[in-house]
Structures are given as structure tokens and as C-alpha cells.
């Protein structure tokens, strides 16, 4: 049934080379995607099309996250109602844009692709069945990924309150080798695996990914990644304070995001006056909420314990058992 619907929706354009950069999350993806979106015209002149279809905010976003998110059972809570389009609208819009585009290859990027299940990856393969697909995956040590994902869960929606140890013990989803699903769908020869800790280009992670996506080293060097990194993880002391502040309710999400951005930039304040400075300019914070934030800061005696070697080794062992199917 899905295949029949797809044939009706799919534009009958020329066969293209389509490169899917699938992440993984926390491997410089936001910096890379911002650089690509900023340099769309330069890329197009050089024969590389970076589509707007599938981007958040009606094409104004920097990455094609909707292509992946629309294939999940439901959208995550942080996606606004106007962006919650079904796959049957998101993907045909992309295929139509590809059909209209001038000559060249197509480059798509979203770390949300990395977290799709087998069925969703198969749907990607169906949607792109009329094109030559190449997949690029930047992989990271699973323990580093766990730590990084924990930090992201604290500093951004859903603004988690678990300490790291509790979070790790609940991390039941397999994180070890998601690129294998893409190898199964497109063939191992169509998937390029890169290592986050071993970039092959002089400029680091961003040009390494771009060259793997088919750009020449010269063109990759001209794509300015701007401020690195745009979604950098804050230090552990800041994360620990954020986790405690997440327990304070009735704080507008945009206000919390702005306060956390200041906190990540400046670090944990040395005293109450420094903490109050973080709240300056936010008149929308009700007095009771402001007082509660101050109380949480006053009780903050120091950072949570760093991830222990014992816990990380235990997690590594559990991941290896999942990979082996035991």
C-alpha cells in the first residue's frame, strides 16, 4: 500500500546522486548544518543542492530534520504544531524540489536519521529509490555519546532532572552501531563511516564530513563553519546546576533557554549576585519562581560526581551484549 501511494506522489524527475548525512548526534551537526544553510548559493553554483524542503519553520531551518522526524511514530514535544507534517507531505515536497533543482547532487543532513528504526530506514530507501543514495555517518564512542546525550537532555527539552548515573541505568536503547541499519538498506558500499575523534581534513570535523559527502577539499575549505561549536556541551558543573534548576516549574521555555545560554557562556556564578545577573532582563519570571530559582542556587553545593569508570565499563558491557544479541 505504501509503495502504491509513493508511486503516485513521487515526481518523475532525473536520477540524482543524493547524499544523506545522518549524524550521529553531538558530532558537530549543528555547526555543519548552519554552514551548509548559510552557503546554499555557493553550493548551488558548485553543483551541490542543499534543499529547503524538510527544514523546520517552513524551510527557514538549517537542516532537513522533518524528513526523519516525520517517519517516527510521533513528533517530539519540542516540534511546533505547524511543523508536524506527515511523511506523505514532507517527502513528496523534497522530491518535487529535487525535480525542480538545477543540475547537481543533493545533500541532506539531519542527525535524527541516525535514530530511526529499521522500518523507517526502509521507508527512506523507498522514497529515494529513484536516485543513487550515499550515506555518511560520523560515529562517536558510545560512552562519549551517552554522556553527551545526557547533557543535551538536561540543557534542552525535555529539561531532564535525573543525575547521570540514573540516566545511564535507564538508557536501554541500543546506541552502539546504528549505521548498520543503513548498510542493510542501501548496501555497505553506499555507507561511509567517519570517526569523530579522527578527522581526516586539516580543518577538522566539518570539512571531513563535507569531503565525504562529495565536495572537493577546496570547496569544503570555503564553507565557513562560523563559530565552533554552535551546540557545544557546557562543562559538568554547569550541567549539574541546570539539572537542579530544571526542578523549578512555571518558567517559560524561551526564558529558560536564554538563562541556560548565559549560564553555559559564563559558567556557574560565584555568588548570589552573579546568579541574579543571569536573570536580569527577564521580567516575565514571577516573583515566586524567581525566589525558587535563587533557593535552588543557594543549595547548590557543587557539581554532581563525574561519570565513574565503573559505571561506564558496566554500560559498555551491556552495549556489547546488545550488539551480540545476547
C-alpha atoms as a PDB file:
ATOM      1  CA  UNK A   1       0.000   0.000   0.000  1.00  0.00           C
ATOM      2  CA  UNK A   2       2.789   2.426   0.936  1.00  0.00           C
ATOM      3  CA  UNK A   3       4.630   1.657  -2.312  1.00  0.00           C
ATOM      4  CA  UNK A   4       1.483   2.367  -4.391  1.00  0.00           C
ATOM      5  CA  UNK A   5       0.943   5.706  -2.640  1.00  0.00           C
ATOM      6  CA  UNK A   6       4.600   6.583  -3.084  1.00  0.00           C
ATOM      7  CA  UNK A   7       4.456   5.993  -6.846  1.00  0.00           C
ATOM      8  CA  UNK A   8       1.506   8.383  -7.090  1.00  0.00           C
ATOM      9  CA  UNK A   9       3.239  11.109  -5.075  1.00  0.00           C
ATOM     10  CA  UNK A  10       6.767  10.802  -6.415  1.00  0.00           C
ATOM     11  CA  UNK A  11       7.839  13.277  -9.115  1.00  0.00           C
ATOM     12  CA  UNK A  12       9.232  11.643 -12.234  1.00  0.00           C
ATOM     13  CA  UNK A  13      12.491  13.601 -12.443  1.00  0.00           C
ATOM     14  CA  UNK A  14      16.018  12.671 -13.471  1.00  0.00           C
ATOM     15  CA  UNK A  15      18.111  10.333 -11.384  1.00  0.00           C
ATOM     16  CA  UNK A  16      20.375  12.230  -8.956  1.00  0.00           C
ATOM     17  CA  UNK A  17      23.146  11.465  -6.546  1.00  0.00           C
ATOM     18  CA  UNK A  18      21.647  12.002  -3.081  1.00  0.00           C
ATOM     19  CA  UNK A  19      23.956  12.172  -0.076  1.00  0.00           C
ATOM     20  CA  UNK A  20      22.408  11.611   3.357  1.00  0.00           C
ATOM     21  CA  UNK A  21      24.451  12.909   6.270  1.00  0.00           C
ATOM     22  CA  UNK A  22      22.804  11.085   9.186  1.00  0.00           C
ATOM     23  CA  UNK A  23      24.798  12.345  12.169  1.00  0.00           C
ATOM     24  CA  UNK A  24      25.339  10.889  14.732  1.00  0.00           C
ATOM     25  CA  UNK A  25      24.009  13.423  17.250  1.00  0.00           C
ATOM     26  CA  UNK A  26      26.597  15.546  19.049  1.00  0.00           C
ATOM     27  CA  UNK A  27      29.245  15.257  16.331  1.00  0.00           C
ATOM     28  CA  UNK A  28      29.288  18.874  15.162  1.00  0.00           C
ATOM     29  CA  UNK A  29      25.986  18.524  13.284  1.00  0.00           C
ATOM     30  CA  UNK A  30      24.530  21.941  14.176  1.00  0.00           C
ATOM     31  CA  UNK A  31      27.709  23.734  13.115  1.00  0.00           C
ATOM     32  CA  UNK A  32      27.856  21.768   9.863  1.00  0.00           C
ATOM     33  CA  UNK A  33      24.181  22.344   9.033  1.00  0.00           C
ATOM     34  CA  UNK A  34      24.391  26.062   9.769  1.00  0.00           C
ATOM     35  CA  UNK A  35      27.386  26.332   7.447  1.00  0.00           C
ATOM     36  CA  UNK A  36      25.516  24.470   4.696  1.00  0.00           C
ATOM     37  CA  UNK A  37      22.374  26.601   5.039  1.00  0.00           C
ATOM     38  CA  UNK A  38      24.407  29.825   5.074  1.00  0.00           C
ATOM     39  CA  UNK A  39      26.264  28.795   1.910  1.00  0.00           C
ATOM     40  CA  UNK A  40      23.331  27.453  -0.155  1.00  0.00           C
ATOM     41  CA  UNK A  41      24.042  29.766  -3.099  1.00  0.00           C
ATOM     42  CA  UNK A  42      27.750  28.959  -3.184  1.00  0.00           C
ATOM     43  CA  UNK A  43      26.982  25.252  -3.044  1.00  0.00           C
ATOM     44  CA  UNK A  44      24.417  25.523  -5.843  1.00  0.00           C
ATOM     45  CA  UNK A  45      26.929  27.315  -8.091  1.00  0.00           C
ATOM     46  CA  UNK A  46      29.297  24.405  -7.463  1.00  0.00           C
ATOM     47  CA  UNK A  47      26.663  21.779  -8.278  1.00  0.00           C
ATOM     48  CA  UNK A  48      25.551  20.835  -4.760  1.00  0.00           C
ATOM     49  CA  UNK A  49      21.889  21.428  -3.841  1.00  0.00           C
ATOM     50  CA  UNK A  50      21.024  21.799  -0.130  1.00  0.00           C
ATOM     51  CA  UNK A  51      17.178  21.707  -0.141  1.00  0.00           C
ATOM     52  CA  UNK A  52      14.802  23.733   1.987  1.00  0.00           C
ATOM     53  CA  UNK A  53      12.128  21.036   1.943  1.00  0.00           C
ATOM     54  CA  UNK A  54      12.129  19.125   5.207  1.00  0.00           C
ATOM     55  CA  UNK A  55      13.594  22.031   7.190  1.00  0.00           C
ATOM     56  CA  UNK A  56      11.811  23.334  10.266  1.00  0.00           C
ATOM     57  CA  UNK A  57       9.872  26.624  10.286  1.00  0.00           C
ATOM     58  CA  UNK A  58       8.642  26.228   6.702  1.00  0.00           C
ATOM     59  CA  UNK A  59      12.109  25.963   5.185  1.00  0.00           C
ATOM     60  CA  UNK A  60      13.811  28.567   7.374  1.00  0.00           C
ATOM     61  CA  UNK A  61      15.634  25.971   9.468  1.00  0.00           C
ATOM     62  CA  UNK A  62      19.179  24.828   8.786  1.00  0.00           C
ATOM     63  CA  UNK A  63      18.644  21.054   8.453  1.00  0.00           C
ATOM     64  CA  UNK A  64      16.123  18.624   6.971  1.00  0.00           C
ATOM     65  CA  UNK A  65      15.011  17.255  10.338  1.00  0.00           C
ATOM     66  CA  UNK A  66      11.374  16.815   9.276  1.00  0.00           C
ATOM     67  CA  UNK A  67      12.382  14.151   6.754  1.00  0.00           C
ATOM     68  CA  UNK A  68      13.461  11.909   9.620  1.00  0.00           C
ATOM     69  CA  UNK A  69      11.072  13.060  12.339  1.00  0.00           C
ATOM     70  CA  UNK A  70       8.018  12.544  10.116  1.00  0.00           C
ATOM     71  CA  UNK A  71       8.883   8.835   9.939  1.00  0.00           C
ATOM     72  CA  UNK A  72       8.764   8.365  13.700  1.00  0.00           C
ATOM     73  CA  UNK A  73       5.586   7.157  15.455  1.00  0.00           C
ATOM     74  CA  UNK A  74       5.093  10.700  16.787  1.00  0.00           C
ATOM     75  CA  UNK A  75       6.883  14.019  16.719  1.00  0.00           C
ATOM     76  CA  UNK A  76       8.962  15.008  19.772  1.00  0.00           C
ATOM     77  CA  UNK A  77       7.367  17.586  22.050  1.00  0.00           C
ATOM     78  CA  UNK A  78       9.682  20.431  21.022  1.00  0.00           C
ATOM     79  CA  UNK A  79       8.425  20.432  17.403  1.00  0.00           C
ATOM     80  CA  UNK A  80       5.751  23.100  16.956  1.00  0.00           C
ATOM     81  CA  UNK A  81       2.272  22.277  15.607  1.00  0.00           C
ATOM     82  CA  UNK A  82       2.842  23.997  12.242  1.00  0.00           C
ATOM     83  CA  UNK A  83       5.863  21.770  11.554  1.00  0.00           C
ATOM     84  CA  UNK A  84       4.166  18.476  12.423  1.00  0.00           C
ATOM     85  CA  UNK A  85       3.548  17.403   8.855  1.00  0.00           C
ATOM     86  CA  UNK A  86       3.013  13.764   7.864  1.00  0.00           C
ATOM     87  CA  UNK A  87       5.681  11.981   5.848  1.00  0.00           C
ATOM     88  CA  UNK A  88       3.254  11.839   2.919  1.00  0.00           C
ATOM     89  CA  UNK A  89       3.594  15.633   2.629  1.00  0.00           C
ATOM     90  CA  UNK A  90       7.206  16.158   3.719  1.00  0.00           C
ATOM     91  CA  UNK A  91       8.881  13.659   1.403  1.00  0.00           C
ATOM     92  CA  UNK A  92       6.973  14.474  -1.818  1.00  0.00           C
ATOM     93  CA  UNK A  93       7.836  18.146  -1.207  1.00  0.00           C
ATOM     94  CA  UNK A  94      11.514  17.172  -1.111  1.00  0.00           C
ATOM     95  CA  UNK A  95      11.228  15.045  -4.255  1.00  0.00           C
ATOM     96  CA  UNK A  96       9.496  17.909  -6.045  1.00  0.00           C
ATOM     97  CA  UNK A  97      12.277  20.325  -5.035  1.00  0.00           C
ATOM     98  CA  UNK A  98      14.876  17.856  -6.281  1.00  0.00           C
ATOM     99  CA  UNK A  99      12.974  17.625  -9.563  1.00  0.00           C
ATOM    100  CA  UNK A 100      12.936  21.438  -9.944  1.00  0.00           C
ATOM    101  CA  UNK A 101      16.562  21.964  -8.937  1.00  0.00           C
ATOM    102  CA  UNK A 102      19.303  22.704 -11.405  1.00  0.00           C
ATOM    103  CA  UNK A 103      21.978  20.162 -12.235  1.00  0.00           C
ATOM    104  CA  UNK A 104      23.985  18.735  -9.392  1.00  0.00           C
ATOM    105  CA  UNK A 105      23.943  16.357  -6.469  1.00  0.00           C
ATOM    106  CA  UNK A 106      21.599  16.626  -3.491  1.00  0.00           C
ATOM    107  CA  UNK A 107      22.904  16.919   0.070  1.00  0.00           C
ATOM    108  CA  UNK A 108      20.609  16.267   3.059  1.00  0.00           C
ATOM    109  CA  UNK A 109      21.576  16.448   6.722  1.00  0.00           C
ATOM    110  CA  UNK A 110      19.843  15.501   9.971  1.00  0.00           C
ATOM    111  CA  UNK A 111      21.132  13.641  13.000  1.00  0.00           C
ATOM    112  CA  UNK A 112      17.550  12.461  13.526  1.00  0.00           C
ATOM    113  CA  UNK A 113      18.179   9.975  10.690  1.00  0.00           C
ATOM    114  CA  UNK A 114      20.680   8.168  12.915  1.00  0.00           C
ATOM    115  CA  UNK A 115      17.968   7.284  15.427  1.00  0.00           C
ATOM    116  CA  UNK A 116      15.398   5.821  13.026  1.00  0.00           C
ATOM    117  CA  UNK A 117      14.387   2.185  13.351  1.00  0.00           C
ATOM    118  CA  UNK A 118      14.576  -0.461  10.631  1.00  0.00           C
ATOM    119  CA  UNK A 119      11.094   0.223   9.249  1.00  0.00           C
ATOM    120  CA  UNK A 120      11.694   3.967   8.980  1.00  0.00           C
ATOM    121  CA  UNK A 121      15.053   3.467   7.242  1.00  0.00           C
ATOM    122  CA  UNK A 122      13.296   1.180   4.756  1.00  0.00           C
ATOM    123  CA  UNK A 123      10.813   3.989   4.016  1.00  0.00           C
ATOM    124  CA  UNK A 124      13.697   6.380   3.341  1.00  0.00           C
ATOM    125  CA  UNK A 125      15.054   3.830   0.856  1.00  0.00           C
ATOM    126  CA  UNK A 126      11.646   3.659  -0.846  1.00  0.00           C
ATOM    127  CA  UNK A 127      11.268   7.417  -1.110  1.00  0.00           C
ATOM    128  CA  UNK A 128      14.749   7.733  -2.643  1.00  0.00           C
ATOM    129  CA  UNK A 129      14.552   4.594  -4.770  1.00  0.00           C
ATOM    130  CA  UNK A 130      14.776   6.639  -7.983  1.00  0.00           C
ATOM    131  CA  UNK A 131      18.158   8.102  -7.023  1.00  0.00           C
ATOM    132  CA  UNK A 132      21.715   6.995  -6.284  1.00  0.00           C
ATOM    133  CA  UNK A 133      21.993   7.256  -2.495  1.00  0.00           C
ATOM    134  CA  UNK A 134      25.171   7.555  -0.451  1.00  0.00           C
ATOM    135  CA  UNK A 135      25.097   7.715   3.355  1.00  0.00           C
ATOM    136  CA  UNK A 136      27.675   9.470   5.541  1.00  0.00           C
ATOM    137  CA  UNK A 137      27.787   8.685   9.270  1.00  0.00           C
ATOM    138  CA  UNK A 138      30.080  10.420  11.749  1.00  0.00           C
ATOM    139  CA  UNK A 139      30.359   7.983  14.650  1.00  0.00           C
ATOM    140  CA  UNK A 140      31.393   8.570  18.219  1.00  0.00           C
ATOM    141  CA  UNK A 141      32.449   6.329  21.069  1.00  0.00           C
ATOM    142  CA  UNK A 142      29.167   5.079  22.621  1.00  0.00           C
ATOM    143  CA  UNK A 143      30.259   6.132  26.110  1.00  0.00           C
ATOM    144  CA  UNK A 144      31.020   9.641  24.903  1.00  0.00           C
ATOM    145  CA  UNK A 145      27.672   9.653  23.122  1.00  0.00           C
ATOM    146  CA  UNK A 146      25.872   8.635  26.312  1.00  0.00           C
ATOM    147  CA  UNK A 147      27.477  11.464  28.266  1.00  0.00           C
ATOM    148  CA  UNK A 148      26.769  13.953  25.503  1.00  0.00           C
ATOM    149  CA  UNK A 149      23.147  12.846  25.135  1.00  0.00           C
ATOM    150  CA  UNK A 150      22.676  13.175  28.868  1.00  0.00           C
ATOM    151  CA  UNK A 151      23.948  16.760  28.786  1.00  0.00           C
ATOM    152  CA  UNK A 152      21.631  17.552  25.881  1.00  0.00           C
ATOM    153  CA  UNK A 153      18.666  16.102  27.801  1.00  0.00           C
ATOM    154  CA  UNK A 154      19.420  18.445  30.711  1.00  0.00           C
ATOM    155  CA  UNK A 155      20.157  21.708  28.897  1.00  0.00           C
ATOM    156  CA  UNK A 156      17.329  21.427  26.341  1.00  0.00           C
ATOM    157  CA  UNK A 157      13.813  19.984  26.209  1.00  0.00           C
ATOM    158  CA  UNK A 158      12.714  17.844  27.986  1.00  0.00           C
ATOM    159  CA  UNK A 159      14.975  19.530  30.609  1.00  0.00           C
ATOM    160  CA  UNK A 160      15.698  16.326  32.482  1.00  0.00           C
ATOM    161  CA  UNK A 161      16.159  16.106  36.250  1.00  0.00           C
ATOM    162  CA  UNK A 162      17.911  12.736  36.546  1.00  0.00           C
ATOM    163  CA  UNK A 163      21.524  12.593  37.611  1.00  0.00           C
ATOM    164  CA  UNK A 164      23.901  10.944  35.166  1.00  0.00           C
ATOM    165  CA  UNK A 165      24.022   7.576  36.915  1.00  0.00           C
ATOM    166  CA  UNK A 166      20.222   7.275  36.962  1.00  0.00           C
ATOM    167  CA  UNK A 167      20.030   8.360  33.332  1.00  0.00           C
ATOM    168  CA  UNK A 168      22.630   5.785  32.269  1.00  0.00           C
ATOM    169  CA  UNK A 169      20.853   2.972  34.056  1.00  0.00           C
ATOM    170  CA  UNK A 170      17.666   3.830  32.153  1.00  0.00           C
ATOM    171  CA  UNK A 171      19.418   4.122  28.800  1.00  0.00           C
ATOM    172  CA  UNK A 172      18.002   0.919  27.375  1.00  0.00           C
ATOM    173  CA  UNK A 173      18.003   1.937  23.704  1.00  0.00           C
ATOM    174  CA  UNK A 174      20.846   0.434  21.671  1.00  0.00           C
ATOM    175  CA  UNK A 175      23.377   3.130  20.856  1.00  0.00           C
ATOM    176  CA  UNK A 176      26.324   1.104  19.647  1.00  0.00           C
ATOM    177  CA  UNK A 177      26.042   0.762  15.885  1.00  0.00           C
ATOM    178  CA  UNK A 178      23.025   2.430  14.304  1.00  0.00           C
ATOM    179  CA  UNK A 179      24.794   2.816  10.949  1.00  0.00           C
ATOM    180  CA  UNK A 180      24.311  -0.901  10.355  1.00  0.00           C
ATOM    181  CA  UNK A 181      20.620  -0.288   9.608  1.00  0.00           C
ATOM    182  CA  UNK A 182      21.645   1.977   6.735  1.00  0.00           C
ATOM    183  CA  UNK A 183      24.124  -0.580   5.437  1.00  0.00           C
ATOM    184  CA  UNK A 184      21.346  -3.166   5.403  1.00  0.00           C
ATOM    185  CA  UNK A 185      19.026  -0.817   3.467  1.00  0.00           C
ATOM    186  CA  UNK A 186      21.486   0.667   0.958  1.00  0.00           C
ATOM    187  CA  UNK A 187      24.446  -1.739   0.998  1.00  0.00           C
ATOM    188  CA  UNK A 188      27.704  -1.429   2.920  1.00  0.00           C
ATOM    189  CA  UNK A 189      29.428   0.081  -0.123  1.00  0.00           C
ATOM    190  CA  UNK A 190      26.989   3.022  -0.035  1.00  0.00           C
ATOM    191  CA  UNK A 191      27.773   3.960   3.594  1.00  0.00           C
ATOM    192  CA  UNK A 192      30.848   5.928   4.632  1.00  0.00           C
ATOM    193  CA  UNK A 193      31.737   5.761   8.323  1.00  0.00           C
ATOM    194  CA  UNK A 194      33.810   8.563   9.820  1.00  0.00           C
ATOM    195  CA  UNK A 195      35.290   8.855  13.299  1.00  0.00           C
ATOM    196  CA  UNK A 196      34.556  11.969  15.315  1.00  0.00           C
ATOM    197  CA  UNK A 197      37.877  11.711  17.137  1.00  0.00           C
ATOM    198  CA  UNK A 198      39.902  11.244  13.922  1.00  0.00           C
ATOM    199  CA  UNK A 199      39.028  13.896  11.287  1.00  0.00           C
ATOM    200  CA  UNK A 200      40.897  13.434   8.015  1.00  0.00           C
ATOM    201  CA  UNK A 201      40.833  17.033   6.755  1.00  0.00           C
ATOM    202  CA  UNK A 202      43.026  19.859   8.133  1.00  0.00           C
ATOM    203  CA  UNK A 203      40.012  21.967   9.189  1.00  0.00           C
ATOM    204  CA  UNK A 204      38.576  19.266  11.459  1.00  0.00           C
ATOM    205  CA  UNK A 205      35.160  17.616  11.606  1.00  0.00           C
ATOM    206  CA  UNK A 206      33.166  19.925   9.288  1.00  0.00           C
ATOM    207  CA  UNK A 207      35.444  19.711   6.206  1.00  0.00           C
ATOM    208  CA  UNK A 208      35.944  15.988   6.854  1.00  0.00           C
ATOM    209  CA  UNK A 209      32.179  15.404   6.583  1.00  0.00           C
ATOM    210  CA  UNK A 210      31.860  17.686   3.556  1.00  0.00           C
ATOM    211  CA  UNK A 211      34.593  15.880   1.629  1.00  0.00           C
ATOM    212  CA  UNK A 212      32.982  12.533   2.491  1.00  0.00           C
ATOM    213  CA  UNK A 213      29.718  13.987   1.123  1.00  0.00           C
ATOM    214  CA  UNK A 214      31.401  14.568  -2.230  1.00  0.00           C
ATOM    215  CA  UNK A 215      32.657  18.146  -2.018  1.00  0.00           C
ATOM    216  CA  UNK A 216      36.180  18.824  -3.204  1.00  0.00           C
ATOM    217  CA  UNK A 217      38.684  19.676  -0.441  1.00  0.00           C
ATOM    218  CA  UNK A 218      38.916  23.181  -1.930  1.00  0.00           C
ATOM    219  CA  UNK A 219      35.144  23.745  -1.799  1.00  0.00           C
ATOM    220  CA  UNK A 220      34.921  22.203   1.694  1.00  0.00           C
ATOM    221  CA  UNK A 221      37.562  24.652   2.898  1.00  0.00           C
ATOM    222  CA  UNK A 222      35.479  27.567   1.545  1.00  0.00           C
ATOM    223  CA  UNK A 223      32.396  26.561   3.552  1.00  0.00           C
ATOM    224  CA  UNK A 224      32.923  28.661   6.659  1.00  0.00           C
ATOM    225  CA  UNK A 225      31.601  26.805   9.727  1.00  0.00           C
ATOM    226  CA  UNK A 226      31.474  30.071  11.656  1.00  0.00           C
ATOM    227  CA  UNK A 227      31.529  29.940  15.406  1.00  0.00           C
ATOM    228  CA  UNK A 228      32.534  26.464  16.573  1.00  0.00           C
ATOM    229  CA  UNK A 229      30.717  24.849  18.153  1.00  0.00           C
ATOM    230  CA  UNK A 230      27.168  26.173  17.952  1.00  0.00           C
ATOM    231  CA  UNK A 231      25.784  23.468  20.222  1.00  0.00           C
ATOM    232  CA  UNK A 232      28.795  22.921  22.441  1.00  0.00           C
ATOM    233  CA  UNK A 233      28.218  20.971  25.639  1.00  0.00           C
ATOM    234  CA  UNK A 234      28.644  23.090  28.787  1.00  0.00           C
ATOM    235  CA  UNK A 235      31.042  21.953  31.470  1.00  0.00           C
ATOM    236  CA  UNK A 236      29.958  19.458  34.098  1.00  0.00           C
ATOM    237  CA  UNK A 237      29.482  21.995  36.898  1.00  0.00           C
ATOM    238  CA  UNK A 238      27.072  23.997  34.714  1.00  0.00           C
ATOM    239  CA  UNK A 239      25.154  20.845  33.737  1.00  0.00           C
ATOM    240  CA  UNK A 240      24.778  19.912  37.397  1.00  0.00           C
ATOM    241  CA  UNK A 241      23.294  23.316  38.240  1.00  0.00           C
ATOM    242  CA  UNK A 242      20.981  23.190  35.210  1.00  0.00           C
ATOM    243  CA  UNK A 243      19.722  19.796  36.332  1.00  0.00           C
ATOM    244  CA  UNK A 244      18.720  21.206  39.707  1.00  0.00           C
ATOM    245  CA  UNK A 245      17.152  24.305  38.162  1.00  0.00           C
ATOM    246  CA  UNK A 246      15.056  22.034  35.948  1.00  0.00           C
ATOM    247  CA  UNK A 247      13.074  21.182  39.062  1.00  0.00           C
ATOM    248  CA  UNK A 248      11.681  24.728  39.154  1.00  0.00           C
ATOM    249  CA  UNK A 249       8.386  24.855  37.297  1.00  0.00           C
ATOM    250  CA  UNK A 250       6.432  27.694  35.655  1.00  0.00           C
ATOM    251  CA  UNK A 251       9.431  29.089  33.788  1.00  0.00           C
ATOM    252  CA  UNK A 252       8.729  29.843  30.116  1.00  0.00           C
ATOM    253  CA  UNK A 253      10.783  27.571  27.807  1.00  0.00           C
ATOM    254  CA  UNK A 254      12.269  30.504  25.880  1.00  0.00           C
ATOM    255  CA  UNK A 255      13.252  32.205  29.154  1.00  0.00           C
ATOM    256  CA  UNK A 256      14.852  29.029  30.476  1.00  0.00           C
ATOM    257  CA  UNK A 257      16.743  28.613  27.195  1.00  0.00           C
ATOM    258  CA  UNK A 258      18.102  32.174  27.380  1.00  0.00           C
ATOM    259  CA  UNK A 259      19.159  31.780  31.030  1.00  0.00           C
ATOM    260  CA  UNK A 260      20.888  28.474  30.237  1.00  0.00           C
ATOM    261  CA  UNK A 261      22.675  30.033  27.265  1.00  0.00           C
ATOM    262  CA  UNK A 262      24.062  32.713  29.573  1.00  0.00           C
ATOM    263  CA  UNK A 263      24.981  30.074  32.148  1.00  0.00           C
ATOM    264  CA  UNK A 264      26.811  27.961  29.555  1.00  0.00           C
ATOM    265  CA  UNK A 265      28.704  31.019  28.362  1.00  0.00           C
ATOM    266  CA  UNK A 266      29.735  32.410  31.754  1.00  0.00           C
ATOM    267  CA  UNK A 267      29.891  29.308  33.956  1.00  0.00           C
ATOM    268  CA  UNK A 268      28.463  28.780  37.435  1.00  0.00           C
ATOM    269  CA  UNK A 269      28.166  32.166  39.205  1.00  0.00           C
ATOM    270  CA  UNK A 270      30.445  32.741  42.171  1.00  0.00           C
ATOM    271  CA  UNK A 271      27.700  34.178  44.380  1.00  0.00           C
ATOM    272  CA  UNK A 272      24.019  35.127  44.607  1.00  0.00           C
ATOM    273  CA  UNK A 273      24.619  38.479  42.920  1.00  0.00           C
ATOM    274  CA  UNK A 274      26.139  36.718  39.936  1.00  0.00           C
ATOM    275  CA  UNK A 275      23.162  34.381  39.754  1.00  0.00           C
ATOM    276  CA  UNK A 276      20.725  37.307  39.891  1.00  0.00           C
ATOM    277  CA  UNK A 277      22.615  38.816  36.943  1.00  0.00           C
ATOM    278  CA  UNK A 278      21.678  35.729  34.901  1.00  0.00           C
ATOM    279  CA  UNK A 279      18.017  36.567  35.481  1.00  0.00           C
ATOM    280  CA  UNK A 280      18.332  40.235  34.541  1.00  0.00           C
ATOM    281  CA  UNK A 281      16.010  41.369  31.788  1.00  0.00           C
ATOM    282  CA  UNK A 282      13.513  38.577  32.299  1.00  0.00           C
ATOM    283  CA  UNK A 283      10.579  40.460  33.767  1.00  0.00           C
ATOM    284  CA  UNK A 284       8.293  37.568  32.801  1.00  0.00           C
ATOM    285  CA  UNK A 285       9.654  35.489  35.708  1.00  0.00           C
ATOM    286  CA  UNK A 286       7.110  35.620  38.515  1.00  0.00           C
ATOM    287  CA  UNK A 287       8.455  36.620  41.962  1.00  0.00           C
ATOM    288  CA  UNK A 288       7.739  33.177  43.463  1.00  0.00           C
ATOM    289  CA  UNK A 289       9.562  31.449  40.612  1.00  0.00           C
ATOM    290  CA  UNK A 290      12.493  33.859  40.851  1.00  0.00           C
ATOM    291  CA  UNK A 291      12.762  33.156  44.578  1.00  0.00           C
ATOM    292  CA  UNK A 292      12.637  29.416  43.975  1.00  0.00           C
ATOM    293  CA  UNK A 293      15.476  29.679  41.437  1.00  0.00           C
ATOM    294  CA  UNK A 294      17.540  31.606  43.974  1.00  0.00           C
ATOM    295  CA  UNK A 295      16.889  28.958  46.620  1.00  0.00           C
ATOM    296  CA  UNK A 296      17.999  26.166  44.294  1.00  0.00           C
ATOM    297  CA  UNK A 297      21.215  28.055  43.514  1.00  0.00           C
ATOM    298  CA  UNK A 298      21.854  28.714  47.211  1.00  0.00           C
ATOM    299  CA  UNK A 299      21.593  24.980  47.968  1.00  0.00           C
ATOM    300  CA  UNK A 300      23.823  24.029  45.059  1.00  0.00           C
ATOM    301  CA  UNK A 301      26.903  22.838  46.917  1.00  0.00           C
ATOM    302  CA  UNK A 302      28.853  21.737  43.860  1.00  0.00           C
ATOM    303  CA  UNK A 303      28.749  19.600  40.728  1.00  0.00           C
ATOM    304  CA  UNK A 304      27.407  16.074  40.594  1.00  0.00           C
ATOM    305  CA  UNK A 305      30.017  13.309  40.580  1.00  0.00           C
ATOM    306  CA  UNK A 306      31.602  12.864  37.184  1.00  0.00           C
ATOM    307  CA  UNK A 307      30.692   9.604  35.404  1.00  0.00           C
ATOM    308  CA  UNK A 308      32.563   6.839  37.182  1.00  0.00           C
ATOM    309  CA  UNK A 309      34.815   4.349  35.388  1.00  0.00           C
ATOM    310  CA  UNK A 310      32.855   1.503  36.944  1.00  0.00           C
ATOM    311  CA  UNK A 311      29.534   2.734  35.608  1.00  0.00           C
ATOM    312  CA  UNK A 312      30.935   3.409  32.158  1.00  0.00           C
ATOM    313  CA  UNK A 313      32.529  -0.047  31.983  1.00  0.00           C
ATOM    314  CA  UNK A 314      29.242  -1.607  33.071  1.00  0.00           C
ATOM    315  CA  UNK A 315      27.408   0.340  30.381  1.00  0.00           C
ATOM    316  CA  UNK A 316      29.984  -0.675  27.755  1.00  0.00           C
ATOM    317  CA  UNK A 317      29.490  -4.315  28.731  1.00  0.00           C
ATOM    318  CA  UNK A 318      25.704  -4.047  28.414  1.00  0.00           C
ATOM    319  CA  UNK A 319      26.078  -2.394  24.993  1.00  0.00           C
ATOM    320  CA  UNK A 320      28.378  -5.142  23.754  1.00  0.00           C
ATOM    321  CA  UNK A 321      25.833  -7.738  24.829  1.00  0.00           C
ATOM    322  CA  UNK A 322      23.105  -5.924  22.894  1.00  0.00           C
ATOM    323  CA  UNK A 323      25.319  -5.836  19.786  1.00  0.00           C
ATOM    324  CA  UNK A 324      25.947  -9.533  20.087  1.00  0.00           C
ATOM    325  CA  UNK A 325      22.231 -10.193  20.520  1.00  0.00           C
ATOM    326  CA  UNK A 326      22.603 -11.759  23.977  1.00  0.00           C
END
